[in-house]
Amino acid sequence: MNLELEKHLDKARDTVAEVDRIVSLHSYPSDTRTVIVRGLLGTIREHHRSILLLLKSGAVDSPYALARDVVAVTRYGLWVNSAATEEQVLQVQESDTFPLSIPEMIKGIEGAYGKDSFFESLKNRWASQLYKYTRSDVVRVGRWHIDPSAGLRYDDSEIREVVTISTLCKVTLAAKFLDRQKHSADCTKIEALAADYGS
């Protein structure tokens, strides 16, 4: 791993630590919606930490799998935070089945945040990379199982993208959570952390 990538991993770690610090400045109600989003933010924190540790140890496939989970958890969090009805939130808590499909959830998220310039900017910058790295990873693993001599190689730019996407997922969900909780100044502080990540 080159020095530039190592610095990027450290910046991602520091960004998530700052997000967690800002979120922890406040007390929150104990309603189900808030509790679920706080739990999802905690899950992202743990996955993000594991992604960085695994990458620094030289492992790459497991961090990619964790990054896919970070994206999924962020999607659930954004939906619960602002698009889910109270009945759907209770169904998430009490039922083994999810109240709607992923396309329906995405439609709800788009409806809730579609006019939010911060959300739209991040989505426009990273949507194609999200699709690319999940699709290409599946193809790469398939090739490796057909011909192990092909190896599972990732270049530093791919690793950097995965770390950036995972970091921005945490930033996005935390900012939208704070906004819903009426902590707009801290929402703005967290959104500003995203500015350090280029397209």
Protein backbone atom coordinates (compact mmCIF):
# COMPACT_ATOMS: atom_id res chain seq x y z
CA MET A 1 0.00 0.00 0.00
CA ASN A 2 1.45 3.33 -1.00
CA LEU A 3 1.76 6.31 1.34
CA GLU A 4 -0.98 8.31 -0.41
CA LEU A 5 -3.51 5.50 0.07
CA GLU A 6 -2.45 5.05 3.68
CA LYS A 7 -3.05 8.77 4.28
CA HIS A 8 -6.49 8.43 2.67
CA LEU A 9 -7.36 5.57 5.05
CA ASP A 10 -6.25 7.72 8.01
CA LYS A 11 -8.35 10.64 6.76
CA ALA A 12 -11.38 8.34 6.47
CA ARG A 13 -10.80 7.08 10.01
CA ASP A 14 -10.53 10.65 11.32
CA THR A 15 -13.64 11.74 9.44
CA VAL A 16 -15.76 8.97 10.94
CA ALA A 17 -14.34 9.68 14.40
CA GLU A 18 -15.34 13.35 14.02
CA VAL A 19 -18.83 12.38 12.84
CA ASP A 20 -19.22 10.13 15.89
CA ARG A 21 -17.97 12.91 18.17
CA ILE A 22 -20.49 15.40 16.78
CA VAL A 23 -23.39 12.93 16.96
CA SER A 24 -22.50 12.09 20.59
CA LEU A 25 -22.80 15.76 21.66
CA HIS A 26 -26.58 15.43 21.97
CA SER A 27 -29.19 13.45 23.86
CA TYR A 28 -31.84 11.78 21.75
CA PRO A 29 -35.38 10.55 22.33
CA SER A 30 -36.00 6.83 22.73
CA ASP A 31 -38.63 6.48 20.01
CA THR A 32 -38.24 3.47 17.73
CA ARG A 33 -37.25 5.47 14.64
CA THR A 34 -34.41 7.24 16.47
CA VAL A 35 -33.21 4.05 18.14
CA ILE A 36 -33.09 2.20 14.82
CA VAL A 37 -31.13 4.96 13.06
CA ARG A 38 -28.69 5.23 15.99
CA GLY A 39 -28.19 1.46 15.80
CA LEU A 40 -27.55 1.64 12.06
CA LEU A 41 -25.02 4.46 12.58
CA GLY A 42 -23.26 2.23 15.11
CA THR A 43 -23.24 -0.66 12.62
CA ILE A 44 -21.64 1.56 9.98
CA ARG A 45 -19.01 2.70 12.51
CA GLU A 46 -18.06 -0.92 13.27
CA HIS A 47 -18.01 -1.95 9.60
CA HIS A 48 -15.98 1.12 8.65
CA ARG A 49 -13.42 0.40 11.37
CA SER A 50 -13.16 -3.20 10.16
CA ILE A 51 -12.77 -2.10 6.54
CA LEU A 52 -9.79 0.07 7.46
CA LEU A 53 -8.15 -2.56 9.66
CA LEU A 54 -8.54 -5.26 7.03
CA LEU A 55 -7.16 -3.04 4.26
CA LYS A 56 -4.15 -2.09 6.38
CA SER A 57 -3.50 -5.79 6.98
CA GLY A 58 -3.50 -6.48 3.23
CA ALA A 59 -6.94 -8.10 2.94
CA VAL A 60 -9.20 -6.63 0.26
CA ASP A 61 -12.16 -8.93 -0.51
CA SER A 62 -13.67 -8.79 2.98
CA PRO A 63 -13.57 -4.97 3.07
CA TYR A 64 -15.46 -4.91 -0.24
CA ALA A 65 -18.15 -7.16 1.27
CA LEU A 66 -18.36 -4.92 4.34
CA ALA A 67 -18.60 -1.84 2.10
CA ARG A 68 -21.60 -3.37 0.34
CA ASP A 69 -23.19 -3.84 3.77
CA VAL A 70 -22.40 -0.21 4.65
CA VAL A 71 -24.26 0.91 1.52
CA ALA A 72 -27.25 -1.32 2.38
CA VAL A 73 -27.32 -0.13 6.02
CA THR A 74 -27.16 3.49 4.84
CA ARG A 75 -30.10 2.90 2.52
CA TYR A 76 -32.15 1.40 5.39
CA GLY A 77 -31.11 4.25 7.66
CA LEU A 78 -32.05 7.00 5.22
CA TRP A 79 -35.41 5.35 4.60
CA VAL A 80 -36.22 4.85 8.30
CA ASN A 81 -35.00 8.35 9.15
CA SER A 82 -37.26 10.25 6.76
CA ALA A 83 -39.35 8.12 4.42
CA ALA A 84 -40.86 5.32 6.53
CA THR A 85 -44.27 5.73 8.10
CA GLU A 86 -44.69 5.05 11.82
CA GLU A 87 -46.40 1.75 10.96
CA GLN A 88 -43.49 0.70 8.75
CA VAL A 89 -40.98 1.61 11.47
CA LEU A 90 -42.86 -0.61 13.92
CA GLN A 91 -42.99 -3.38 11.32
CA VAL A 92 -39.19 -3.18 10.92
CA GLN A 93 -38.85 -3.61 14.66
CA GLU A 94 -41.44 -6.34 15.19
CA SER A 95 -41.55 -8.42 12.00
CA ASP A 96 -39.20 -10.80 10.25
CA THR A 97 -40.27 -9.41 6.88
CA PHE A 98 -39.30 -6.02 5.56
CA PRO A 99 -42.30 -3.80 4.76
CA LEU A 100 -41.28 -3.03 1.15
CA SER A 101 -38.90 -3.89 -1.67
CA ILE A 102 -35.55 -2.20 -2.30
CA PRO A 103 -36.88 -0.29 -5.36
CA GLU A 104 -39.79 0.97 -3.24
CA MET A 105 -37.36 1.99 -0.49
CA ILE A 106 -35.14 3.84 -2.97
CA LYS A 107 -38.20 5.64 -4.33
CA GLY A 108 -39.05 6.73 -0.78
CA ILE A 109 -35.49 7.94 -0.17
CA GLU A 110 -35.52 9.88 -3.44
CA GLY A 111 -38.81 11.46 -2.42
CA ALA A 112 -37.46 12.46 0.99
CA TYR A 113 -34.07 13.76 -0.13
CA GLY A 114 -34.45 14.47 -3.84
CA LYS A 115 -34.44 18.24 -3.33
CA ASP A 116 -31.55 18.10 -0.82
CA SER A 117 -28.51 19.52 -2.62
CA PHE A 118 -26.01 17.73 -0.34
CA PHE A 119 -27.65 14.34 -0.90
CA GLU A 120 -28.03 14.88 -4.65
CA SER A 121 -24.41 15.99 -5.01
CA LEU A 122 -23.08 12.86 -3.29
CA LYS A 123 -25.47 10.60 -5.19
CA ASN A 124 -24.46 12.11 -8.53
CA ARG A 125 -20.74 11.82 -7.73
CA TRP A 126 -20.77 8.26 -6.44
CA ALA A 127 -23.75 6.31 -7.83
CA SER A 128 -21.86 4.97 -10.85
CA GLN A 129 -18.86 3.93 -8.73
CA LEU A 130 -21.14 2.08 -6.30
CA TYR A 131 -22.63 0.06 -9.13
CA LYS A 132 -19.25 -0.48 -10.78
CA TYR A 133 -17.42 -1.81 -7.78
CA THR A 134 -20.18 -4.20 -6.67
CA ARG A 135 -20.61 -5.57 -10.21
CA SER A 136 -16.92 -5.82 -11.02
CA ASP A 137 -16.16 -7.53 -7.71
CA VAL A 138 -18.63 -10.31 -8.52
CA VAL A 139 -17.04 -10.80 -11.96
CA ARG A 140 -13.52 -10.79 -10.45
CA VAL A 141 -14.41 -13.45 -7.87
CA GLY A 142 -16.07 -15.56 -10.57
CA ARG A 143 -12.95 -15.40 -12.75
CA TRP A 144 -10.78 -16.38 -9.80
CA HIS A 145 -12.90 -19.47 -9.14
CA ILE A 146 -12.60 -20.47 -12.80
CA ASP A 147 -8.86 -19.76 -12.96
CA PRO A 148 -7.11 -19.20 -9.60
CA SER A 149 -3.96 -18.02 -11.43
CA ALA A 150 -5.93 -14.91 -12.44
CA GLY A 151 -5.68 -13.77 -8.82
CA LEU A 152 -7.82 -11.23 -7.01
CA ARG A 153 -6.01 -7.97 -7.67
CA TYR A 154 -7.23 -4.50 -6.78
CA ASP A 155 -5.47 -1.29 -7.59
CA ASP A 156 -5.12 1.56 -5.11
CA SER A 157 -7.70 3.73 -6.88
CA GLU A 158 -10.36 1.01 -6.47
CA ILE A 159 -9.52 0.62 -2.79
CA ARG A 160 -9.62 4.39 -2.35
CA GLU A 161 -13.09 4.55 -3.93
CA VAL A 162 -14.46 1.85 -1.63
CA VAL A 163 -13.12 3.63 1.46
CA THR A 164 -14.46 6.97 0.25
CA ILE A 165 -17.92 5.56 -0.47
CA SER A 166 -18.07 3.87 2.95
CA THR A 167 -16.99 7.09 4.65
CA LEU A 168 -19.50 9.21 2.75
CA CYS A 169 -22.27 6.77 3.67
CA LYS A 170 -21.56 7.44 7.34
CA VAL A 171 -21.37 11.19 6.75
CA THR A 172 -24.65 11.22 4.81
CA LEU A 173 -26.70 9.19 7.28
CA ALA A 174 -25.34 11.09 10.29
CA ALA A 175 -26.04 14.47 8.68
CA LYS A 176 -29.60 13.54 7.75
CA PHE A 177 -30.17 12.07 11.23
CA LEU A 178 -29.00 15.29 12.90
CA ASP A 179 -31.14 17.34 10.54
CA ARG A 180 -34.24 15.34 11.52
CA GLN A 181 -33.31 15.77 15.18
CA LYS A 182 -33.25 19.58 14.65
CA HIS A 183 -29.48 19.95 15.11
CA SER A 184 -29.01 21.85 11.85
CA ALA A 185 -25.68 23.49 12.82
CA ASP A 186 -24.12 20.09 13.50
CA CYS A 187 -25.73 18.69 10.34
CA THR A 188 -23.92 21.43 8.40
CA LYS A 189 -20.61 20.63 10.16
CA ILE A 190 -20.90 17.00 9.19
CA GLU A 191 -21.87 17.81 5.61
CA ALA A 192 -18.73 19.98 5.38
CA LEU A 193 -16.60 16.91 6.09
CA ALA A 194 -17.72 15.48 2.73
CA ALA A 195 -16.12 18.39 0.90
CA ASP A 196 -12.66 16.88 1.49
CA TYR A 197 -13.52 13.90 -0.69
CA GLY A 198 -13.06 14.63 -4.38
CA SER A 199 -15.14 13.13 -7.12
